[in-house]
Structure formats: structure tokens, C-alpha cells
Amino acid sequence: MRRALSGIVILIVLAITTAAVYVASRQHLRFNAPEPAIAASADTAVIARGHYVVRVVADCAACHGALDQRQAYRNGADVPLSGGYEFKIPPGEFRVRNITPDAETGIGTISDGKIARALRFGVGHDGRALLPFMEMQGLSDEDLAAVISYLRSQPGVRHRVPDHHYNVLGRIVRATVLANPVGPKSPPPPESPRGATVENGSYLAGSVANCWACHTPRNPNTGQLTGTLYGGNPAFTDDFDPTRTWHPPNLTPDPKTGRSALFTEDQFVDRFHAGRIIPGSPMPWQAYRQMSDDDIRAIYRFLQTLEPVENDVGPPFVVNRG
């Protein structure tokens, strides 16, 4: 019996040691994804498109905006994209990067190709896989160039952001579920769709605004989606306001529980232009209210094509007590 127990203990120790070595060996994997042939432009029309993507539809300032200017951001100001916010989630603490063109602490010395690779293929300038928090892999070549052009046009802000901190769970997740960079599911279009079309709505909702990212449940440990796309999320934690848990609604055209079924197209446009109605709502209404009518109509028409999903996520939010 003692020999048997000793053997079991030895096997357990070997298994733990093997797992630990495996996890440790996969913390700094390097990947050789291609750099898209994208170059920044000084053309004012290209920069204007970049401003529209970065500041309005993608609302990059929601995470990358200067921490000391949150109220200005909520009021619609173009605050510096100097990063620094810390997301505390089960795998560890993750800090948002400075994406101003500062040479020391931002993206000033990173080439256009490497920035494009990071956005499209999830591979950082050092070759390591990026966390799939910034899901812009489907951006068109046109918008990818516009985004980089706009970022290059901004003043650099010197703000050094500490590295991420992975705890034990985070290191395991990094070595397994999130070991590989995430690229586009299909080849991105060379040019961006335009007009009040389903194609444009699909592109904006799925690859630029990423509406599904909040309106679909996720596993808090791995970030993996666990529900139907756009079907509503019954537990969305607002990292900037932990006193509330929000319930991003079901966006499918389900007649009972789908938010898009409650609006006519004109009402949908009016709702976007009305801005934030519920105080504290994490939806970036101050950005979305600036969207063009055609783009809002395009998103509405796309949502009408989704398979209806009956899913009542409850009231807009609940107050966390204690």
C-alpha cells in the first residue's frame, strides 16, 4: 500500500512538474505573421476617415483614452490616446497601451507595417501574440491605412504604461487558449463598404464598432464567446464603474426580446443621435451620436437580417451592493 501511494504521489508530482514546464515554455512564443503592405498617408481625406473610425465608430478612446480626462471623453472630446487603464480580470491585470506617436512610450518608433500586423493578425511588434481585446482584424486595407494615418497625425504624449501582469491562471491561459494570435476569419476587403447597405452594416457592426463584443456573453477567464452573436449579454461588467452590472440587450429582430425589433429604421437613427439617455451607460453614445445617417441605417438593416433569438437579458443594469 505504501509503495502504491508513493507511486501515485510521484506520478502527481511529475504531472505537475511537466505541466509547469510546458506552461513556462510557452510564455514568450514568437510568431512570424506577414506585415500588410500598408503605409500612413498625409492626405487630409484619409486622416479624416481615420478620425471617423478611431474616434466615432471604433471609439478607441473608450480604453486608450487618457485616464485623467474621462469626463472630457464622456462629453465627446478627442482626448489623448495615451492609455494606462488597468483591467483587473481573473487571469491578471492588463494595461491598455499608449498609441500616441511618442517615440519612447508610444508607437512612434514602430513601423506602419508592424502596427498594421498588430491590428490585423494580433502579433505585436516584438512577434508575440497580443491579447484578443482589440478585435479589429476585419478592417479593410483602406481603413487600416486611415487609422494608422490618423494616429500618426496626433501629438505624441509621453506616458509609460507598465507591462501586463499574468497570475497563475493567466499564465496557463496564455500558454493554452490564448497561445496563438487571432487573425481575420476571412480576407478583409481592400476598400470599405459605403452607404445604407446590409454589407456596410455587417462590416461596421462586426469589424469596426464590434457590437457583438459587448452584446454577446463571454467567459471571464478566457474571453471566449459563450452565447449567440448579438443575442444579448446578461452580465457585462463595466470596468470603469464597478457599482453596476449592465445587461447589453439582445440586438436580433426577435419580436419579444430583440431590441432592433422595437424600432423603426427612423427611430433607430434618432436614438443614436440622441446620445446617452441612461446616466453612466457604458455604451459610447457620445461617439456613436456622431455617426452618419447612412452608417446607422446600414447597421439597422444588417441587424434585421440576423436570426431572431429569444433572450430577455433583464433591465438595463443592476446596482451592485456591498
C-alpha atoms as a PDB file:
ATOM      1  CA  MET A   1       0.000   0.000   0.000  1.00  0.00           C
ATOM      2  CA  ARG A   2       2.831   2.392   0.898  1.00  0.00           C
ATOM      3  CA  ARG A   3       4.607   1.660  -2.383  1.00  0.00           C
ATOM      4  CA  ALA A   4       1.358   2.241  -4.274  1.00  0.00           C
ATOM      5  CA  LEU A   5       0.765   5.581  -2.529  1.00  0.00           C
ATOM      6  CA  SER A   6       4.367   6.610  -3.126  1.00  0.00           C
ATOM      7  CA  GLY A   7       3.946   5.782  -6.798  1.00  0.00           C
ATOM      8  CA  ILE A   8       0.786   7.879  -7.031  1.00  0.00           C
ATOM      9  CA  VAL A   9       2.495  10.825  -5.318  1.00  0.00           C
ATOM     10  CA  ILE A  10       5.450  10.550  -7.695  1.00  0.00           C
ATOM     11  CA  LEU A  11       3.095  10.496 -10.709  1.00  0.00           C
ATOM     12  CA  ILE A  12       1.253  13.573  -9.421  1.00  0.00           C
ATOM     13  CA  VAL A  13       4.496  15.452  -8.855  1.00  0.00           C
ATOM     14  CA  LEU A  14       5.721  14.500 -12.343  1.00  0.00           C
ATOM     15  CA  ALA A  15       2.429  15.616 -13.888  1.00  0.00           C
ATOM     16  CA  ILE A  16       2.540  18.973 -12.078  1.00  0.00           C
ATOM     17  CA  THR A  17       6.198  19.472 -12.982  1.00  0.00           C
ATOM     18  CA  THR A  18       5.551  18.620 -16.632  1.00  0.00           C
ATOM     19  CA  ALA A  19       2.589  20.991 -16.779  1.00  0.00           C
ATOM     20  CA  ALA A  20       4.604  23.769 -15.127  1.00  0.00           C
ATOM     21  CA  VAL A  21       7.471  23.343 -17.586  1.00  0.00           C
ATOM     22  CA  TYR A  22       5.028  23.305 -20.512  1.00  0.00           C
ATOM     23  CA  VAL A  23       3.300  26.499 -19.356  1.00  0.00           C
ATOM     24  CA  ALA A  24       6.608  28.258 -18.676  1.00  0.00           C
ATOM     25  CA  SER A  25       7.973  27.301 -22.093  1.00  0.00           C
ATOM     26  CA  ARG A  26       5.018  28.937 -23.853  1.00  0.00           C
ATOM     27  CA  GLN A  27       5.043  32.364 -22.199  1.00  0.00           C
ATOM     28  CA  HIS A  28       7.159  34.095 -24.837  1.00  0.00           C
ATOM     29  CA  LEU A  29       6.291  32.412 -28.115  1.00  0.00           C
ATOM     30  CA  ARG A  30       7.166  34.379 -31.249  1.00  0.00           C
ATOM     31  CA  PHE A  31       5.164  34.415 -34.483  1.00  0.00           C
ATOM     32  CA  ASN A  32       6.137  35.449 -37.975  1.00  0.00           C
ATOM     33  CA  ALA A  33       2.871  36.830 -39.368  1.00  0.00           C
ATOM     34  CA  PRO A  34       3.170  38.950 -42.518  1.00  0.00           C
ATOM     35  CA  GLU A  35       3.177  42.730 -42.373  1.00  0.00           C
ATOM     36  CA  PRO A  36       0.363  44.133 -44.554  1.00  0.00           C
ATOM     37  CA  ALA A  37       1.542  46.495 -47.268  1.00  0.00           C
ATOM     38  CA  ILE A  38       0.018  49.488 -45.511  1.00  0.00           C
ATOM     39  CA  ALA A  39       1.575  52.946 -45.268  1.00  0.00           C
ATOM     40  CA  ALA A  40       0.445  56.071 -43.449  1.00  0.00           C
ATOM     41  CA  SER A  41      -0.720  58.976 -45.581  1.00  0.00           C
ATOM     42  CA  ALA A  42      -0.686  62.740 -45.066  1.00  0.00           C
ATOM     43  CA  ASP A  43      -3.805  63.103 -47.223  1.00  0.00           C
ATOM     44  CA  THR A  44      -6.406  65.058 -45.234  1.00  0.00           C
ATOM     45  CA  ALA A  45      -9.283  62.913 -46.544  1.00  0.00           C
ATOM     46  CA  VAL A  46      -7.523  59.733 -45.395  1.00  0.00           C
ATOM     47  CA  ILE A  47      -6.824  61.242 -41.967  1.00  0.00           C
ATOM     48  CA  ALA A  48     -10.457  62.377 -41.709  1.00  0.00           C
ATOM     49  CA  ARG A  49     -11.621  58.829 -42.397  1.00  0.00           C
ATOM     50  CA  GLY A  50      -9.172  57.633 -39.746  1.00  0.00           C
ATOM     51  CA  HIS A  51     -10.618  60.112 -37.270  1.00  0.00           C
ATOM     52  CA  TYR A  52     -14.112  58.815 -38.008  1.00  0.00           C
ATOM     53  CA  VAL A  53     -13.047  55.195 -37.482  1.00  0.00           C
ATOM     54  CA  VAL A  54     -10.864  55.803 -34.396  1.00  0.00           C
ATOM     55  CA  ARG A  55     -12.982  58.394 -32.603  1.00  0.00           C
ATOM     56  CA  VAL A  56     -16.530  57.622 -33.680  1.00  0.00           C
ATOM     57  CA  VAL A  57     -17.261  54.078 -34.864  1.00  0.00           C
ATOM     58  CA  ALA A  58     -14.484  52.098 -33.157  1.00  0.00           C
ATOM     59  CA  ASP A  59     -14.299  54.550 -30.227  1.00  0.00           C
ATOM     60  CA  CYS A  60     -10.710  53.612 -29.360  1.00  0.00           C
ATOM     61  CA  ALA A  61     -10.677  56.240 -26.607  1.00  0.00           C
ATOM     62  CA  ALA A  62     -13.044  54.106 -24.530  1.00  0.00           C
ATOM     63  CA  CYS A  63      -9.995  52.072 -23.500  1.00  0.00           C
ATOM     64  CA  HIS A  64      -6.976  54.016 -24.779  1.00  0.00           C
ATOM     65  CA  GLY A  65      -8.151  57.464 -23.654  1.00  0.00           C
ATOM     66  CA  ALA A  66      -6.175  59.413 -21.047  1.00  0.00           C
ATOM     67  CA  LEU A  67      -7.210  58.338 -17.563  1.00  0.00           C
ATOM     68  CA  ASP A  68      -7.258  61.881 -16.183  1.00  0.00           C
ATOM     69  CA  GLN A  69      -9.684  63.030 -18.889  1.00  0.00           C
ATOM     70  CA  ARG A  70     -12.521  60.534 -18.533  1.00  0.00           C
ATOM     71  CA  GLN A  71     -15.187  63.202 -18.081  1.00  0.00           C
ATOM     72  CA  ALA A  72     -13.964  65.095 -21.123  1.00  0.00           C
ATOM     73  CA  TYR A  73     -14.135  61.826 -23.066  1.00  0.00           C
ATOM     74  CA  ARG A  74     -17.711  61.213 -21.909  1.00  0.00           C
ATOM     75  CA  ASN A  75     -18.556  64.741 -23.054  1.00  0.00           C
ATOM     76  CA  GLY A  76     -17.302  63.911 -26.545  1.00  0.00           C
ATOM     77  CA  ALA A  77     -13.810  65.434 -26.508  1.00  0.00           C
ATOM     78  CA  ASP A  78     -10.968  63.883 -28.532  1.00  0.00           C
ATOM     79  CA  VAL A  79      -8.776  63.065 -25.539  1.00  0.00           C
ATOM     80  CA  PRO A  80      -5.179  61.810 -25.983  1.00  0.00           C
ATOM     81  CA  LEU A  81      -4.899  58.083 -26.648  1.00  0.00           C
ATOM     82  CA  SER A  82      -2.149  57.703 -24.061  1.00  0.00           C
ATOM     83  CA  GLY A  83      -3.524  54.543 -22.431  1.00  0.00           C
ATOM     84  CA  GLY A  84      -2.773  53.294 -18.939  1.00  0.00           C
ATOM     85  CA  TYR A  85      -6.114  51.908 -17.812  1.00  0.00           C
ATOM     86  CA  GLU A  86      -5.803  48.603 -15.936  1.00  0.00           C
ATOM     87  CA  PHE A  87      -8.329  45.827 -16.467  1.00  0.00           C
ATOM     88  CA  LYS A  88      -8.404  43.536 -13.441  1.00  0.00           C
ATOM     89  CA  ILE A  89      -9.863  40.237 -14.601  1.00  0.00           C
ATOM     90  CA  PRO A  90      -9.380  36.639 -13.369  1.00  0.00           C
ATOM     91  CA  PRO A  91      -6.190  35.979 -15.432  1.00  0.00           C
ATOM     92  CA  GLY A  92      -4.413  39.080 -14.071  1.00  0.00           C
ATOM     93  CA  GLU A  93      -4.003  42.810 -14.595  1.00  0.00           C
ATOM     94  CA  PHE A  94      -3.856  44.089 -18.163  1.00  0.00           C
ATOM     95  CA  ARG A  95      -2.878  47.638 -19.073  1.00  0.00           C
ATOM     96  CA  VAL A  96      -4.035  49.488 -22.167  1.00  0.00           C
ATOM     97  CA  ARG A  97      -1.200  50.734 -24.375  1.00  0.00           C
ATOM     98  CA  ASN A  98      -0.210  54.261 -25.287  1.00  0.00           C
ATOM     99  CA  ILE A  99      -0.959  54.575 -29.012  1.00  0.00           C
ATOM    100  CA  THR A 100       0.136  58.167 -29.493  1.00  0.00           C
ATOM    101  CA  PRO A 101       3.231  58.670 -31.710  1.00  0.00           C
ATOM    102  CA  ASP A 102       5.558  59.305 -28.771  1.00  0.00           C
ATOM    103  CA  ALA A 103       8.949  57.759 -29.614  1.00  0.00           C
ATOM    104  CA  GLU A 104       9.746  56.497 -26.110  1.00  0.00           C
ATOM    105  CA  THR A 105       6.439  55.302 -24.713  1.00  0.00           C
ATOM    106  CA  GLY A 106       4.050  55.125 -27.672  1.00  0.00           C
ATOM    107  CA  ILE A 107       4.089  53.879 -31.260  1.00  0.00           C
ATOM    108  CA  GLY A 108       6.472  56.493 -32.658  1.00  0.00           C
ATOM    109  CA  THR A 109       9.271  54.045 -33.491  1.00  0.00           C
ATOM    110  CA  ILE A 110       7.029  51.172 -34.602  1.00  0.00           C
ATOM    111  CA  SER A 111       6.707  50.843 -38.377  1.00  0.00           C
ATOM    112  CA  ASP A 112       3.397  51.167 -40.223  1.00  0.00           C
ATOM    113  CA  GLY A 113       3.650  47.526 -41.260  1.00  0.00           C
ATOM    114  CA  LYS A 114       4.053  46.304 -37.683  1.00  0.00           C
ATOM    115  CA  ILE A 115       1.116  48.408 -36.464  1.00  0.00           C
ATOM    116  CA  ALA A 116      -0.970  47.020 -39.330  1.00  0.00           C
ATOM    117  CA  ARG A 117       0.143  43.490 -38.436  1.00  0.00           C
ATOM    118  CA  ALA A 118      -0.857  44.015 -34.798  1.00  0.00           C
ATOM    119  CA  LEU A 119      -4.349  45.167 -35.774  1.00  0.00           C
ATOM    120  CA  ARG A 120      -4.943  42.535 -38.433  1.00  0.00           C
ATOM    121  CA  PHE A 121      -3.076  39.459 -37.191  1.00  0.00           C
ATOM    122  CA  GLY A 122      -2.759  40.027 -33.453  1.00  0.00           C
ATOM    123  CA  VAL A 123       1.043  39.930 -33.498  1.00  0.00           C
ATOM    124  CA  GLY A 124       2.933  42.676 -31.670  1.00  0.00           C
ATOM    125  CA  HIS A 125       5.987  44.490 -32.957  1.00  0.00           C
ATOM    126  CA  ASP A 126       8.146  42.051 -30.935  1.00  0.00           C
ATOM    127  CA  GLY A 127       6.499  38.997 -32.540  1.00  0.00           C
ATOM    128  CA  ARG A 128       4.468  37.937 -29.522  1.00  0.00           C
ATOM    129  CA  ALA A 129       0.746  37.188 -29.675  1.00  0.00           C
ATOM    130  CA  LEU A 130      -1.424  40.065 -28.472  1.00  0.00           C
ATOM    131  CA  LEU A 131      -4.402  39.504 -26.236  1.00  0.00           C
ATOM    132  CA  PRO A 132      -7.565  39.484 -28.387  1.00  0.00           C
ATOM    133  CA  PHE A 133      -9.031  42.531 -26.629  1.00  0.00           C
ATOM    134  CA  MET A 134      -8.763  44.795 -29.682  1.00  0.00           C
ATOM    135  CA  GLU A 135     -10.659  42.846 -32.312  1.00  0.00           C
ATOM    136  CA  MET A 136     -10.069  44.878 -35.441  1.00  0.00           C
ATOM    137  CA  GLN A 137      -8.842  42.033 -37.646  1.00  0.00           C
ATOM    138  CA  GLY A 138     -11.556  42.613 -40.240  1.00  0.00           C
ATOM    139  CA  LEU A 139     -10.679  46.243 -41.010  1.00  0.00           C
ATOM    140  CA  SER A 140     -10.373  46.916 -44.719  1.00  0.00           C
ATOM    141  CA  ASP A 141      -6.992  47.867 -46.163  1.00  0.00           C
ATOM    142  CA  GLU A 142      -8.429  51.342 -46.699  1.00  0.00           C
ATOM    143  CA  ASP A 143      -9.487  51.755 -43.062  1.00  0.00           C
ATOM    144  CA  LEU A 144      -6.299  50.166 -41.743  1.00  0.00           C
ATOM    145  CA  ALA A 145      -4.283  52.820 -43.609  1.00  0.00           C
ATOM    146  CA  ALA A 146      -6.675  55.542 -42.429  1.00  0.00           C
ATOM    147  CA  VAL A 147      -6.363  54.505 -38.780  1.00  0.00           C
ATOM    148  CA  ILE A 148      -2.557  54.496 -38.878  1.00  0.00           C
ATOM    149  CA  SER A 149      -2.546  57.816 -40.740  1.00  0.00           C
ATOM    150  CA  TYR A 150      -4.759  59.393 -38.101  1.00  0.00           C
ATOM    151  CA  LEU A 151      -2.695  58.021 -35.204  1.00  0.00           C
ATOM    152  CA  ARG A 152       0.480  59.375 -36.832  1.00  0.00           C
ATOM    153  CA  SER A 153      -1.151  62.812 -37.130  1.00  0.00           C
ATOM    154  CA  GLN A 154      -1.755  63.138 -33.391  1.00  0.00           C
ATOM    155  CA  PRO A 155       0.658  64.772 -30.955  1.00  0.00           C
ATOM    156  CA  GLY A 156       2.815  62.329 -29.033  1.00  0.00           C
ATOM    157  CA  VAL A 157       2.179  62.011 -25.307  1.00  0.00           C
ATOM    158  CA  ARG A 158       4.937  60.672 -23.077  1.00  0.00           C
ATOM    159  CA  HIS A 159       3.200  58.164 -20.818  1.00  0.00           C
ATOM    160  CA  ARG A 160       4.906  54.889 -19.993  1.00  0.00           C
ATOM    161  CA  VAL A 161       2.434  52.061 -19.373  1.00  0.00           C
ATOM    162  CA  PRO A 162       3.599  49.097 -17.230  1.00  0.00           C
ATOM    163  CA  ASP A 163       3.574  45.612 -18.747  1.00  0.00           C
ATOM    164  CA  HIS A 164       0.682  43.210 -18.215  1.00  0.00           C
ATOM    165  CA  HIS A 165       0.769  41.003 -15.129  1.00  0.00           C
ATOM    166  CA  TYR A 166      -0.335  37.390 -15.568  1.00  0.00           C
ATOM    167  CA  ASN A 167      -1.212  35.415 -12.451  1.00  0.00           C
ATOM    168  CA  VAL A 168      -1.102  31.598 -12.366  1.00  0.00           C
ATOM    169  CA  LEU A 169      -4.431  31.286 -14.205  1.00  0.00           C
ATOM    170  CA  GLY A 170      -3.304  33.911 -16.694  1.00  0.00           C
ATOM    171  CA  ARG A 171      -0.065  32.076 -17.448  1.00  0.00           C
ATOM    172  CA  ILE A 172      -1.997  28.857 -18.055  1.00  0.00           C
ATOM    173  CA  VAL A 173      -4.487  30.629 -20.324  1.00  0.00           C
ATOM    174  CA  ARG A 174      -1.621  32.372 -22.138  1.00  0.00           C
ATOM    175  CA  ALA A 175       0.049  29.018 -22.779  1.00  0.00           C
ATOM    176  CA  THR A 176      -3.102  27.285 -23.997  1.00  0.00           C
ATOM    177  CA  VAL A 177      -6.309  29.067 -25.007  1.00  0.00           C
ATOM    178  CA  LEU A 178      -4.593  32.344 -25.937  1.00  0.00           C
ATOM    179  CA  ALA A 179      -1.286  30.887 -27.127  1.00  0.00           C
ATOM    180  CA  ASN A 180      -1.835  31.750 -30.780  1.00  0.00           C
ATOM    181  CA  PRO A 181      -2.534  35.174 -32.304  1.00  0.00           C
ATOM    182  CA  VAL A 182      -6.020  35.777 -33.683  1.00  0.00           C
ATOM    183  CA  GLY A 183      -6.272  36.826 -37.315  1.00  0.00           C
ATOM    184  CA  PRO A 184      -9.232  37.629 -39.578  1.00  0.00           C
ATOM    185  CA  LYS A 185     -11.835  34.927 -40.154  1.00  0.00           C
ATOM    186  CA  SER A 186     -11.908  35.796 -43.866  1.00  0.00           C
ATOM    187  CA  PRO A 187      -9.816  38.053 -46.109  1.00  0.00           C
ATOM    188  CA  PRO A 188     -10.621  41.696 -45.243  1.00  0.00           C
ATOM    189  CA  PRO A 189     -11.878  43.848 -48.133  1.00  0.00           C
ATOM    190  CA  PRO A 190      -9.434  46.184 -49.894  1.00  0.00           C
ATOM    191  CA  GLU A 191     -11.936  49.046 -49.652  1.00  0.00           C
ATOM    192  CA  SER A 192     -14.582  49.797 -47.042  1.00  0.00           C
ATOM    193  CA  PRO A 193     -18.252  49.346 -47.932  1.00  0.00           C
ATOM    194  CA  ARG A 194     -20.273  52.550 -48.059  1.00  0.00           C
ATOM    195  CA  GLY A 195     -23.911  53.593 -47.906  1.00  0.00           C
ATOM    196  CA  ALA A 196     -27.020  52.373 -46.108  1.00  0.00           C
ATOM    197  CA  THR A 197     -26.471  48.751 -47.140  1.00  0.00           C
ATOM    198  CA  VAL A 198     -26.521  45.427 -45.309  1.00  0.00           C
ATOM    199  CA  GLU A 199     -22.929  44.857 -46.428  1.00  0.00           C
ATOM    200  CA  ASN A 200     -21.783  48.100 -44.815  1.00  0.00           C
ATOM    201  CA  GLY A 201     -23.822  47.378 -41.689  1.00  0.00           C
ATOM    202  CA  SER A 202     -22.257  43.947 -41.342  1.00  0.00           C
ATOM    203  CA  TYR A 203     -18.798  45.472 -41.734  1.00  0.00           C
ATOM    204  CA  LEU A 204     -19.376  48.280 -39.230  1.00  0.00           C
ATOM    205  CA  ALA A 205     -21.095  46.127 -36.589  1.00  0.00           C
ATOM    206  CA  GLY A 206     -18.777  43.163 -36.996  1.00  0.00           C
ATOM    207  CA  SER A 207     -15.340  44.630 -37.727  1.00  0.00           C
ATOM    208  CA  VAL A 208     -15.276  48.286 -36.638  1.00  0.00           C
ATOM    209  CA  ALA A 209     -17.756  49.024 -33.838  1.00  0.00           C
ATOM    210  CA  ASN A 210     -17.627  45.360 -32.752  1.00  0.00           C
ATOM    211  CA  CYS A 211     -21.192  45.485 -31.403  1.00  0.00           C
ATOM    212  CA  TRP A 212     -21.117  41.736 -30.799  1.00  0.00           C
ATOM    213  CA  ALA A 213     -18.233  42.084 -28.325  1.00  0.00           C
ATOM    214  CA  CYS A 214     -20.477  43.565 -25.613  1.00  0.00           C
ATOM    215  CA  HIS A 215     -23.806  42.172 -26.783  1.00  0.00           C
ATOM    216  CA  THR A 216     -22.621  38.536 -26.535  1.00  0.00           C
ATOM    217  CA  PRO A 217     -21.708  36.692 -23.288  1.00  0.00           C
ATOM    218  CA  ARG A 218     -18.034  35.836 -22.675  1.00  0.00           C
ATOM    219  CA  ASN A 219     -16.112  33.500 -20.422  1.00  0.00           C
ATOM    220  CA  PRO A 220     -14.427  35.874 -17.917  1.00  0.00           C
ATOM    221  CA  ASN A 221     -11.372  33.618 -17.648  1.00  0.00           C
ATOM    222  CA  THR A 222     -10.585  33.183 -21.338  1.00  0.00           C
ATOM    223  CA  GLY A 223     -12.600  35.857 -23.144  1.00  0.00           C
ATOM    224  CA  GLN A 224     -14.182  33.202 -25.345  1.00  0.00           C
ATOM    225  CA  LEU A 225     -17.728  33.931 -26.565  1.00  0.00           C
ATOM    226  CA  THR A 226     -20.292  31.687 -24.903  1.00  0.00           C
ATOM    227  CA  GLY A 227     -23.567  32.776 -26.478  1.00  0.00           C
ATOM    228  CA  THR A 228     -25.235  33.744 -29.734  1.00  0.00           C
ATOM    229  CA  LEU A 229     -23.667  36.714 -31.509  1.00  0.00           C
ATOM    230  CA  TYR A 230     -25.651  39.903 -30.866  1.00  0.00           C
ATOM    231  CA  GLY A 231     -28.075  37.883 -28.726  1.00  0.00           C
ATOM    232  CA  GLY A 232     -27.620  39.968 -25.570  1.00  0.00           C
ATOM    233  CA  ASN A 233     -25.375  39.725 -22.526  1.00  0.00           C
ATOM    234  CA  PRO A 234     -26.915  39.246 -19.064  1.00  0.00           C
ATOM    235  CA  ALA A 235     -23.711  40.135 -17.178  1.00  0.00           C
ATOM    236  CA  PHE A 236     -21.460  42.852 -18.576  1.00  0.00           C
ATOM    237  CA  THR A 237     -19.050  44.305 -16.026  1.00  0.00           C
ATOM    238  CA  ASP A 238     -18.323  47.977 -16.512  1.00  0.00           C
ATOM    239  CA  ASP A 239     -14.644  48.227 -15.561  1.00  0.00           C
ATOM    240  CA  PHE A 240     -14.951  51.996 -15.172  1.00  0.00           C
ATOM    241  CA  ASP A 241     -17.994  51.729 -12.879  1.00  0.00           C
ATOM    242  CA  PRO A 242     -17.963  48.565 -10.736  1.00  0.00           C
ATOM    243  CA  THR A 243     -21.077  49.712  -8.869  1.00  0.00           C
ATOM    244  CA  ARG A 244     -23.226  48.485 -11.749  1.00  0.00           C
ATOM    245  CA  THR A 245     -23.547  45.340 -13.817  1.00  0.00           C
ATOM    246  CA  TRP A 246     -25.002  46.131 -17.217  1.00  0.00           C
ATOM    247  CA  HIS A 247     -27.172  43.975 -19.464  1.00  0.00           C
ATOM    248  CA  PRO A 248     -26.387  44.827 -23.117  1.00  0.00           C
ATOM    249  CA  PRO A 249     -29.648  43.982 -24.874  1.00  0.00           C
ATOM    250  CA  ASN A 250     -30.487  41.396 -27.473  1.00  0.00           C
ATOM    251  CA  LEU A 251     -29.953  43.075 -30.865  1.00  0.00           C
ATOM    252  CA  THR A 252     -31.571  40.401 -33.006  1.00  0.00           C
ATOM    253  CA  PRO A 253     -35.020  41.094 -34.542  1.00  0.00           C
ATOM    254  CA  ASP A 254     -36.833  38.753 -32.152  1.00  0.00           C
ATOM    255  CA  PRO A 255     -40.330  40.295 -31.749  1.00  0.00           C
ATOM    256  CA  LYS A 256     -40.455  39.594 -27.997  1.00  0.00           C
ATOM    257  CA  THR A 257     -36.955  40.342 -26.720  1.00  0.00           C
ATOM    258  CA  GLY A 258     -34.942  41.793 -29.612  1.00  0.00           C
ATOM    259  CA  ARG A 259     -34.087  45.473 -29.333  1.00  0.00           C
ATOM    260  CA  SER A 260     -33.856  46.005 -33.098  1.00  0.00           C
ATOM    261  CA  ALA A 261     -37.452  44.802 -33.444  1.00  0.00           C
ATOM    262  CA  LEU A 262     -38.665  47.630 -31.197  1.00  0.00           C
ATOM    263  CA  PHE A 263     -37.525  50.425 -33.517  1.00  0.00           C
ATOM    264  CA  THR A 264     -38.408  51.517 -36.983  1.00  0.00           C
ATOM    265  CA  GLU A 265     -35.387  52.499 -39.049  1.00  0.00           C
ATOM    266  CA  ASP A 266     -36.010  56.207 -38.490  1.00  0.00           C
ATOM    267  CA  GLN A 267     -36.438  55.669 -34.738  1.00  0.00           C
ATOM    268  CA  PHE A 268     -33.153  53.746 -34.670  1.00  0.00           C
ATOM    269  CA  VAL A 269     -31.376  56.684 -36.313  1.00  0.00           C
ATOM    270  CA  ASP A 270     -32.986  59.146 -33.915  1.00  0.00           C
ATOM    271  CA  ARG A 271     -31.973  57.012 -30.921  1.00  0.00           C
ATOM    272  CA  PHE A 272     -28.326  57.070 -31.953  1.00  0.00           C
ATOM    273  CA  HIS A 273     -28.302  60.807 -32.475  1.00  0.00           C
ATOM    274  CA  ALA A 274     -29.969  61.353 -29.078  1.00  0.00           C
ATOM    275  CA  GLY A 275     -26.801  60.235 -27.293  1.00  0.00           C
ATOM    276  CA  ARG A 276     -26.618  58.914 -23.726  1.00  0.00           C
ATOM    277  CA  ILE A 277     -30.050  58.731 -22.083  1.00  0.00           C
ATOM    278  CA  ILE A 278     -29.276  56.372 -19.183  1.00  0.00           C
ATOM    279  CA  PRO A 279     -26.676  58.127 -16.960  1.00  0.00           C
ATOM    280  CA  GLY A 280     -23.453  56.153 -16.716  1.00  0.00           C
ATOM    281  CA  SER A 281     -24.260  53.817 -19.595  1.00  0.00           C
ATOM    282  CA  PRO A 282     -21.007  52.232 -20.878  1.00  0.00           C
ATOM    283  CA  MET A 283     -22.332  52.431 -24.440  1.00  0.00           C
ATOM    284  CA  PRO A 284     -20.222  55.201 -26.046  1.00  0.00           C
ATOM    285  CA  TRP A 285     -23.205  57.270 -27.134  1.00  0.00           C
ATOM    286  CA  GLN A 286     -21.150  60.469 -27.240  1.00  0.00           C
ATOM    287  CA  ALA A 287     -19.186  58.882 -30.099  1.00  0.00           C
ATOM    288  CA  TYR A 288     -21.988  56.980 -31.826  1.00  0.00           C
ATOM    289  CA  ARG A 289     -24.247  60.036 -31.960  1.00  0.00           C
ATOM    290  CA  GLN A 290     -21.747  61.450 -34.493  1.00  0.00           C
ATOM    291  CA  MET A 291     -22.184  58.543 -36.912  1.00  0.00           C
ATOM    292  CA  SER A 292     -23.607  59.320 -40.324  1.00  0.00           C
ATOM    293  CA  ASP A 293     -27.254  58.531 -41.010  1.00  0.00           C
ATOM    294  CA  ASP A 294     -26.240  56.099 -43.760  1.00  0.00           C
ATOM    295  CA  ASP A 295     -23.993  54.131 -41.393  1.00  0.00           C
ATOM    296  CA  ILE A 296     -26.659  53.933 -38.682  1.00  0.00           C
ATOM    297  CA  ARG A 297     -29.226  52.804 -41.249  1.00  0.00           C
ATOM    298  CA  ALA A 298     -26.735  50.240 -42.561  1.00  0.00           C
ATOM    299  CA  ILE A 299     -26.330  48.746 -39.071  1.00  0.00           C
ATOM    300  CA  TYR A 300     -30.108  48.661 -38.578  1.00  0.00           C
ATOM    301  CA  ARG A 301     -30.624  46.875 -41.890  1.00  0.00           C
ATOM    302  CA  PHE A 302     -27.893  44.375 -41.038  1.00  0.00           C
ATOM    303  CA  LEU A 303     -29.445  43.618 -37.641  1.00  0.00           C
ATOM    304  CA  GLN A 304     -32.751  42.871 -39.375  1.00  0.00           C
ATOM    305  CA  THR A 305     -31.027  40.044 -41.277  1.00  0.00           C
ATOM    306  CA  LEU A 306     -29.948  38.220 -38.102  1.00  0.00           C
ATOM    307  CA  GLU A 307     -31.677  35.052 -36.989  1.00  0.00           C
ATOM    308  CA  PRO A 308     -34.162  36.076 -34.260  1.00  0.00           C
ATOM    309  CA  VAL A 309     -33.088  34.846 -30.825  1.00  0.00           C
ATOM    310  CA  GLU A 310     -35.490  34.954 -27.882  1.00  0.00           C
ATOM    311  CA  ASN A 311     -33.333  36.093 -24.974  1.00  0.00           C
ATOM    312  CA  ASP A 312     -34.530  38.557 -22.351  1.00  0.00           C
ATOM    313  CA  VAL A 313     -31.437  39.866 -20.512  1.00  0.00           C
ATOM    314  CA  GLY A 314     -33.461  41.841 -17.973  1.00  0.00           C
ATOM    315  CA  PRO A 315     -33.319  45.548 -17.047  1.00  0.00           C
ATOM    316  CA  PRO A 316     -30.535  47.774 -18.438  1.00  0.00           C
ATOM    317  CA  PHE A 317     -28.454  47.391 -15.262  1.00  0.00           C
ATOM    318  CA  VAL A 318     -28.430  46.264 -11.661  1.00  0.00           C
ATOM    319  CA  VAL A 319     -26.748  48.083  -8.769  1.00  0.00           C
ATOM    320  CA  ASN A 320     -24.060  46.074  -7.010  1.00  0.00           C
ATOM    321  CA  ARG A 321     -24.337  46.377  -3.241  1.00  0.00           C
ATOM    322  CA  GLY A 322     -21.822  45.574  -0.539  1.00  0.00           C
END
